């Protein structure tokens, strides 16, 4: 637990700010709705099934596209997915990097939870200068110590959930360049580019202690576009609540993988992902949180098969880019079934 990758729990002035949050009580952050982490089975039984369960890896390296990230189009917002929940957004000529994990694994040690073959074609060197590094919460598959350390000199500003700055400052980030968000906090970052943190139904923690930092989804707005950046979340009424405050979205980026009925409260089933898109009144659904790591017992491509089938059934427009294939808002929404290998 002394490895630097575990980070640092908030203390001192940072803890005082956290204790003032309406979402913090009983010495931990709370979800909007009561949320039990494991349902129906004990944590030990779930872990045993995970250790002894079937192999969820693809049969061969996944296809991908090597896009020049430093020369993306300027006239429309562009999203480039790197697998799982990592992606780059270029909007209003600004580069926003979300939850980057380029180290080849999603755990505190490199020999577990390795990325699938073919999914690591991008490195930090391929990225342009980053105007905003956006970190939704502090789990290893969203906040990677090695990757963010490499980004320190390349990043102008970090936006993250309340408490996560303690990890980042411990790793060398300047506190003056970090903005922390409680739910419903908003900041105008550049000109008309606004970021708002909104509730998600999840949990946090990099060690044995949970929920000392907040977990969030985010809404990214300009005068012309609204993007929903969903991060990790179980399904709940919070999606409809968000829609009440933000009438519609051009794209909703929502998780669809790494689910299990034993932890259903904190990760949506694929069919619920489609319903969340409907609740948000988003024009296009972009499913993420799949295609790079095996963090559950389902087969590697089950999430995209199920979410695609439900989207077709409910007439929800969906985009399913390969890793590195640009999604261009109002222009190009890749939808090939590239996973059918």
Protein backbone atom coordinates (compact mmCIF):
# COMPACT_ATOMS: atom_id res chain seq x y z
CA UNK A 1 0.00 0.00 0.00
CA UNK A 2 3.04 2.29 0.05
CA UNK A 3 3.34 2.24 -3.74
CA UNK A 4 2.90 5.75 -5.10
CA UNK A 5 0.29 4.52 -7.58
CA UNK A 6 -2.20 4.13 -4.70
CA UNK A 7 -2.28 7.91 -4.36
CA UNK A 8 -3.17 9.89 -1.26
CA UNK A 9 -6.47 10.24 0.61
CA UNK A 10 -7.57 13.88 1.15
CA UNK A 11 -6.51 15.45 4.44
CA UNK A 12 -6.18 18.90 5.99
CA UNK A 13 -7.77 21.74 4.02
CA UNK A 14 -8.79 19.34 1.25
CA UNK A 15 -10.75 17.25 3.76
CA UNK A 16 -12.42 20.36 5.16
CA UNK A 17 -13.70 21.25 1.68
CA UNK A 18 -15.01 17.73 1.28
CA UNK A 19 -16.76 17.77 4.65
CA UNK A 20 -18.67 20.86 3.54
CA UNK A 21 -20.15 19.03 0.55
CA UNK A 22 -23.89 18.19 0.68
CA UNK A 23 -22.95 14.83 -0.85
CA UNK A 24 -20.64 13.86 2.03
CA UNK A 25 -21.91 12.34 5.27
CA UNK A 26 -20.86 9.64 7.73
CA UNK A 27 -17.24 10.25 6.66
CA UNK A 28 -17.78 9.28 3.03
CA UNK A 29 -19.41 10.45 -0.19
CA UNK A 30 -22.93 9.15 -0.81
CA UNK A 31 -24.91 8.39 -3.95
CA UNK A 32 -28.17 10.21 -4.66
CA UNK A 33 -30.08 6.92 -4.26
CA UNK A 34 -29.21 4.25 -1.66
CA UNK A 35 -26.59 2.07 -3.36
CA UNK A 36 -25.31 -1.21 -2.00
CA UNK A 37 -22.11 -2.24 -3.77
CA UNK A 38 -22.82 -5.98 -3.95
CA UNK A 39 -26.30 -7.49 -4.15
CA UNK A 40 -27.35 -11.11 -3.79
CA UNK A 41 -23.84 -12.50 -3.19
CA UNK A 42 -20.98 -11.77 -0.83
CA UNK A 43 -17.94 -9.90 -2.08
CA UNK A 44 -15.74 -12.97 -1.50
CA UNK A 45 -18.05 -15.16 -3.60
CA UNK A 46 -18.04 -12.60 -6.39
CA UNK A 47 -14.23 -12.40 -6.33
CA UNK A 48 -13.95 -16.20 -6.41
CA UNK A 49 -16.19 -16.37 -9.48
CA UNK A 50 -14.08 -13.69 -11.13
CA UNK A 51 -10.84 -15.59 -10.47
CA UNK A 52 -12.23 -18.92 -11.67
CA UNK A 53 -14.52 -17.61 -14.45
CA UNK A 54 -14.21 -17.97 -18.22
CA UNK A 55 -11.69 -16.14 -20.37
CA UNK A 56 -13.19 -12.91 -21.71
CA UNK A 57 -10.39 -11.88 -24.09
CA UNK A 58 -10.79 -11.47 -27.87
CA UNK A 59 -9.51 -14.38 -30.00
CA UNK A 60 -7.06 -12.15 -31.87
CA UNK A 61 -5.75 -8.55 -31.77
CA UNK A 62 -8.48 -5.96 -32.16
CA UNK A 63 -8.51 -3.72 -35.24
CA UNK A 64 -7.78 -0.03 -34.78
CA UNK A 65 -7.03 3.15 -36.74
CA UNK A 66 -4.01 5.40 -36.19
CA UNK A 67 -5.39 8.93 -36.55
CA UNK A 68 -3.21 12.05 -36.49
CA UNK A 69 -4.49 13.47 -33.19
CA UNK A 70 -2.56 16.70 -33.63
CA UNK A 71 -4.43 17.62 -36.81
CA UNK A 72 -8.07 16.85 -36.18
CA UNK A 73 -10.76 18.96 -37.92
CA UNK A 74 -11.60 22.34 -36.37
CA UNK A 75 -15.09 23.04 -37.70
CA UNK A 76 -17.02 20.32 -35.82
CA UNK A 77 -16.46 18.61 -32.44
CA UNK A 78 -14.43 15.41 -32.82
CA UNK A 79 -14.24 12.43 -30.43
CA UNK A 80 -11.49 9.80 -30.72
CA UNK A 81 -11.91 6.72 -28.52
CA UNK A 82 -8.87 4.85 -27.17
CA UNK A 83 -10.80 1.87 -25.77
CA UNK A 84 -12.59 1.47 -22.43
CA UNK A 85 -13.42 4.98 -21.10
CA UNK A 86 -10.48 6.93 -22.54
CA UNK A 87 -11.06 9.42 -25.34
CA UNK A 88 -9.94 12.75 -26.75
CA UNK A 89 -12.41 15.52 -27.61
CA UNK A 90 -11.52 18.44 -29.84
CA UNK A 91 -14.12 21.19 -29.54
CA UNK A 92 -13.79 24.92 -30.25
CA UNK A 93 -10.12 24.21 -31.10
CA UNK A 94 -9.52 22.94 -27.54
CA UNK A 95 -8.30 19.44 -26.70
CA UNK A 96 -9.99 17.68 -23.78
CA UNK A 97 -8.57 14.31 -22.72
CA UNK A 98 -10.88 12.11 -20.63
CA UNK A 99 -9.77 9.33 -18.24
CA UNK A 100 -6.63 8.32 -20.16
CA UNK A 101 -5.10 4.88 -19.49
CA UNK A 102 -2.15 4.17 -21.80
CA UNK A 103 -0.05 1.99 -19.48
CA UNK A 104 -1.32 -1.38 -20.74
CA UNK A 105 -3.15 -2.43 -17.59
CA UNK A 106 -5.99 -1.27 -15.31
CA UNK A 107 -4.63 -2.09 -11.88
CA UNK A 108 -1.93 -0.89 -9.44
CA UNK A 109 0.49 -3.55 -10.74
CA UNK A 110 1.37 -4.27 -14.40
CA UNK A 111 0.88 -8.06 -14.36
CA UNK A 112 -2.90 -7.98 -13.78
CA UNK A 113 -5.90 -6.67 -15.80
CA UNK A 114 -3.86 -6.26 -18.96
CA UNK A 115 -5.28 -4.52 -22.02
CA UNK A 116 -6.38 -6.60 -25.00
CA UNK A 117 -3.95 -7.12 -27.85
CA UNK A 118 -4.27 -4.39 -30.48
CA UNK A 119 -5.72 -1.74 -28.14
CA UNK A 120 -2.51 0.08 -27.18
CA UNK A 121 -1.58 1.76 -30.45
CA UNK A 122 -1.62 5.25 -28.87
CA UNK A 123 0.83 6.75 -26.40
CA UNK A 124 1.10 10.11 -24.67
CA UNK A 125 3.55 11.17 -27.39
CA UNK A 126 0.76 10.89 -29.98
CA UNK A 127 -1.37 13.47 -28.17
CA UNK A 128 -1.49 17.20 -28.87
CA UNK A 129 -1.06 19.69 -26.05
CA UNK A 130 -3.94 19.06 -23.65
CA UNK A 131 -6.05 22.06 -22.69
CA UNK A 132 -8.12 20.09 -20.17
CA UNK A 133 -7.35 16.73 -18.58
CA UNK A 134 -10.70 15.49 -17.28
CA UNK A 135 -10.71 12.73 -14.62
CA UNK A 136 -14.14 11.41 -13.63
CA UNK A 137 -13.07 9.42 -10.54
CA UNK A 138 -10.07 7.68 -9.04
CA UNK A 139 -10.44 4.02 -10.09
CA UNK A 140 -7.44 2.52 -11.88
CA UNK A 141 -9.25 2.07 -15.20
CA UNK A 142 -9.94 5.84 -15.25
CA UNK A 143 -7.00 7.39 -13.37
CA UNK A 144 -3.67 5.84 -14.30
CA UNK A 145 -0.63 7.00 -12.35
CA UNK A 146 1.91 6.34 -15.11
CA UNK A 147 -0.16 8.02 -17.83
CA UNK A 148 -1.02 11.19 -15.91
CA UNK A 149 2.58 11.57 -14.76
CA UNK A 150 3.63 11.62 -18.41
CA UNK A 151 0.96 14.27 -19.04
CA UNK A 152 2.05 16.77 -16.36
CA UNK A 153 4.16 18.92 -18.70
CA UNK A 154 1.67 18.53 -21.55
CA UNK A 155 -1.46 19.60 -19.65
CA UNK A 156 -2.64 23.16 -19.05
CA UNK A 157 -5.57 22.41 -16.72
CA UNK A 158 -7.05 19.46 -14.83
CA UNK A 159 -10.76 19.16 -14.03
CA UNK A 160 -11.85 16.41 -11.71
CA UNK A 161 -14.25 15.31 -8.99
CA UNK A 162 -13.96 16.62 -5.44
CA UNK A 163 -11.05 15.04 -3.56
CA UNK A 164 -9.22 13.55 -6.55
CA UNK A 165 -6.77 16.48 -6.54
CA UNK A 166 -5.10 14.89 -3.52
CA UNK A 167 -3.83 12.08 -5.73
CA UNK A 168 -2.77 14.44 -8.51
CA UNK A 169 -0.89 16.83 -6.22
CA UNK A 170 0.87 13.89 -4.57
CA UNK A 171 2.03 12.84 -8.04
CA UNK A 172 3.39 16.26 -8.97
CA UNK A 173 0.56 18.35 -10.45
CA UNK A 174 0.41 22.02 -9.50
CA UNK A 175 -2.68 22.64 -7.36
CA UNK A 176 -3.13 26.01 -9.12
CA UNK A 177 -3.90 24.14 -12.35
CA UNK A 178 -6.58 21.84 -10.85
CA UNK A 179 -10.30 22.58 -10.60
CA UNK A 180 -12.33 20.22 -8.40
CA UNK A 181 -16.06 19.80 -8.95
CA UNK A 182 -18.84 18.82 -6.59
CA UNK A 183 -22.08 17.73 -8.28
CA UNK A 184 -23.78 20.63 -10.06
CA UNK A 185 -20.68 22.84 -9.87
CA UNK A 186 -19.97 24.51 -13.19
CA UNK A 187 -17.01 26.41 -14.63
CA UNK A 188 -16.58 28.36 -17.85
CA UNK A 189 -13.21 27.07 -19.03
CA UNK A 190 -12.61 29.03 -22.24
CA UNK A 191 -14.85 31.65 -23.85
CA UNK A 192 -18.20 29.83 -24.13
CA UNK A 193 -16.89 26.34 -23.24
CA UNK A 194 -18.57 25.29 -19.98
CA UNK A 195 -18.14 22.15 -17.87
CA UNK A 196 -20.64 20.97 -15.25
CA UNK A 197 -20.27 17.97 -12.92
CA UNK A 198 -23.44 15.91 -12.52
CA UNK A 199 -24.34 12.89 -10.38
CA UNK A 200 -23.36 9.34 -11.22
CA UNK A 201 -24.21 6.19 -9.26
CA UNK A 202 -20.90 4.61 -8.41
CA UNK A 203 -18.12 4.61 -5.77
CA UNK A 204 -14.42 5.47 -5.45
CA UNK A 205 -11.16 4.34 -3.90
CA UNK A 206 -7.73 3.06 -4.90
CA UNK A 207 -7.06 0.95 -1.81
CA UNK A 208 -9.02 -0.60 1.02
CA UNK A 209 -10.83 2.64 1.95
CA UNK A 210 -13.76 3.67 -0.24
CA UNK A 211 -15.66 6.85 -1.07
CA UNK A 212 -13.23 9.45 0.25
CA UNK A 213 -13.26 11.12 -3.18
CA UNK A 214 -16.25 11.88 -5.40
CA UNK A 215 -17.26 10.24 -8.70
CA UNK A 216 -18.97 12.30 -11.40
CA UNK A 217 -20.31 12.46 -14.91
CA UNK A 218 -19.84 15.73 -16.77
CA UNK A 219 -21.73 17.93 -19.21
CA UNK A 220 -19.62 19.80 -21.76
CA UNK A 221 -21.37 22.76 -23.40
CA UNK A 222 -20.70 25.38 -26.04
CA UNK A 223 -23.14 27.78 -27.67
CA UNK A 224 -23.81 25.14 -30.33
CA UNK A 225 -23.24 21.73 -28.71
CA UNK A 226 -24.04 19.74 -25.57
CA UNK A 227 -22.07 16.56 -24.85
CA UNK A 228 -22.80 14.15 -22.00
CA UNK A 229 -19.64 12.49 -20.65
CA UNK A 230 -21.07 9.67 -18.61
CA UNK A 231 -18.16 7.93 -16.81
CA UNK A 232 -19.18 4.96 -14.59
CA UNK A 233 -22.71 4.69 -13.24
CA UNK A 234 -25.47 2.33 -12.34
CA UNK A 235 -28.86 3.15 -13.77
CA UNK A 236 -31.15 5.47 -11.81
CA UNK A 237 -33.42 8.50 -11.80
CA UNK A 238 -30.41 10.83 -11.95
CA UNK A 239 -30.39 10.59 -15.76
CA UNK A 240 -33.89 12.08 -15.94
CA UNK A 241 -32.87 14.71 -13.40
CA UNK A 242 -29.91 15.69 -15.57
CA UNK A 243 -32.20 15.96 -18.59
CA UNK A 244 -34.43 18.37 -16.67
CA UNK A 245 -31.48 20.74 -16.31
CA UNK A 246 -29.98 20.14 -19.78
CA UNK A 247 -32.76 19.78 -22.36
CA UNK A 248 -30.88 17.71 -24.97
CA UNK A 249 -27.48 16.35 -25.97
CA UNK A 250 -25.81 15.91 -29.34
CA UNK A 251 -24.03 12.81 -28.02
CA UNK A 252 -24.23 10.78 -24.82
CA UNK A 253 -21.04 8.83 -24.04
CA UNK A 254 -22.24 6.10 -21.69
CA UNK A 255 -20.73 2.96 -20.22
CA UNK A 256 -22.08 -0.38 -21.45
CA UNK A 257 -19.59 -2.97 -20.17
CA UNK A 258 -18.03 -4.59 -17.09
CA UNK A 259 -21.47 -5.26 -15.60
CA UNK A 260 -22.72 -8.11 -13.44
CA UNK A 261 -25.95 -8.63 -11.53
CA UNK A 262 -23.85 -8.88 -8.36
CA UNK A 263 -22.76 -5.24 -8.80
CA UNK A 264 -25.71 -4.03 -10.84
CA UNK A 265 -26.17 -0.90 -8.69
CA UNK A 266 -22.86 0.60 -9.82
CA UNK A 267 -22.60 -0.52 -13.47
CA UNK A 268 -25.50 -0.45 -15.93
CA UNK A 269 -26.57 -3.40 -18.02
CA UNK A 270 -26.31 -2.64 -21.77
CA UNK A 271 -30.08 -2.34 -22.12
CA UNK A 272 -30.07 0.25 -19.34
CA UNK A 273 -27.39 2.17 -21.22
CA UNK A 274 -29.85 2.65 -24.08
CA UNK A 275 -32.57 3.69 -21.64
CA UNK A 276 -30.21 6.21 -20.03
CA UNK A 277 -29.62 7.71 -23.48
CA UNK A 278 -33.37 8.00 -23.92
CA UNK A 279 -33.73 9.55 -20.45
CA UNK A 280 -31.10 12.13 -21.37
CA UNK A 281 -32.82 12.83 -24.71
CA UNK A 282 -29.50 12.45 -26.52
CA UNK A 283 -29.47 12.33 -30.31
CA UNK A 284 -26.66 9.76 -30.52
CA UNK A 285 -25.37 7.10 -28.12
CA UNK A 286 -21.65 6.31 -28.00
CA UNK A 287 -21.09 3.22 -25.80
CA UNK A 288 -17.78 3.00 -23.92
CA UNK A 289 -16.27 1.10 -20.95
CA UNK A 290 -15.69 -1.98 -23.08
CA UNK A 291 -13.23 -3.24 -25.69
CA UNK A 292 -9.94 -2.95 -23.78
CA UNK A 293 -10.01 -4.63 -20.35
CA UNK A 294 -11.73 -7.68 -18.86
CA UNK A 295 -13.23 -6.39 -15.61
CA UNK A 296 -16.24 -8.71 -15.43
CA UNK A 297 -17.32 -12.24 -16.37
CA UNK A 298 -19.15 -11.53 -19.62
CA UNK A 299 -17.42 -12.23 -22.93
CA UNK A 300 -15.45 -9.29 -24.28
CA UNK A 301 -17.96 -8.41 -27.03
CA UNK A 302 -21.22 -9.14 -25.21
CA UNK A 303 -21.69 -5.48 -24.12
CA UNK A 304 -21.58 -4.07 -27.64
CA UNK A 305 -23.79 -6.84 -29.01
CA UNK A 306 -26.45 -6.25 -26.37
CA UNK A 307 -26.37 -2.46 -26.47
CA UNK A 308 -26.51 -2.47 -30.28
CA UNK A 309 -29.49 -4.85 -30.32
CA UNK A 310 -31.40 -2.75 -27.79
CA UNK A 311 -30.61 0.48 -29.63
CA UNK A 312 -31.98 -1.05 -32.85
CA UNK A 313 -35.11 -2.22 -31.02
CA UNK A 314 -35.79 1.23 -29.51
CA UNK A 315 -34.69 3.19 -32.59
CA UNK A 316 -31.80 4.89 -30.82
CA UNK A 317 -29.00 6.13 -33.10
CA UNK A 318 -25.68 4.57 -32.04
CA UNK A 319 -22.07 5.10 -33.07
CA UNK A 320 -19.53 2.30 -32.63
CA UNK A 321 -16.10 3.53 -33.74
CA UNK A 322 -12.99 1.41 -33.74
CA UNK A 323 -10.21 2.54 -31.44
CA UNK A 324 -8.79 5.66 -33.08
CA UNK A 325 -11.66 6.16 -35.56
CA UNK A 326 -12.95 9.75 -35.31
CA UNK A 327 -16.56 10.52 -34.48
CA UNK A 328 -17.42 13.95 -35.93
CA UNK A 329 -20.56 15.52 -34.48
CA UNK A 330 -23.28 16.13 -37.09
CA UNK A 331 -21.06 14.66 -39.83
CA UNK A 332 -19.66 11.18 -39.21
CA UNK A 333 -20.93 8.48 -36.84
CA UNK A 334 -19.06 5.21 -37.56
CA UNK A 335 -21.31 2.20 -37.01
CA UNK A 336 -19.62 -0.85 -38.53
CA UNK A 337 -19.71 -4.13 -36.56
CA UNK A 338 -15.94 -4.37 -36.50
CA UNK A 339 -15.98 -6.65 -33.44
CA UNK A 340 -17.45 -9.53 -35.48
CA UNK A 341 -14.13 -11.26 -36.06
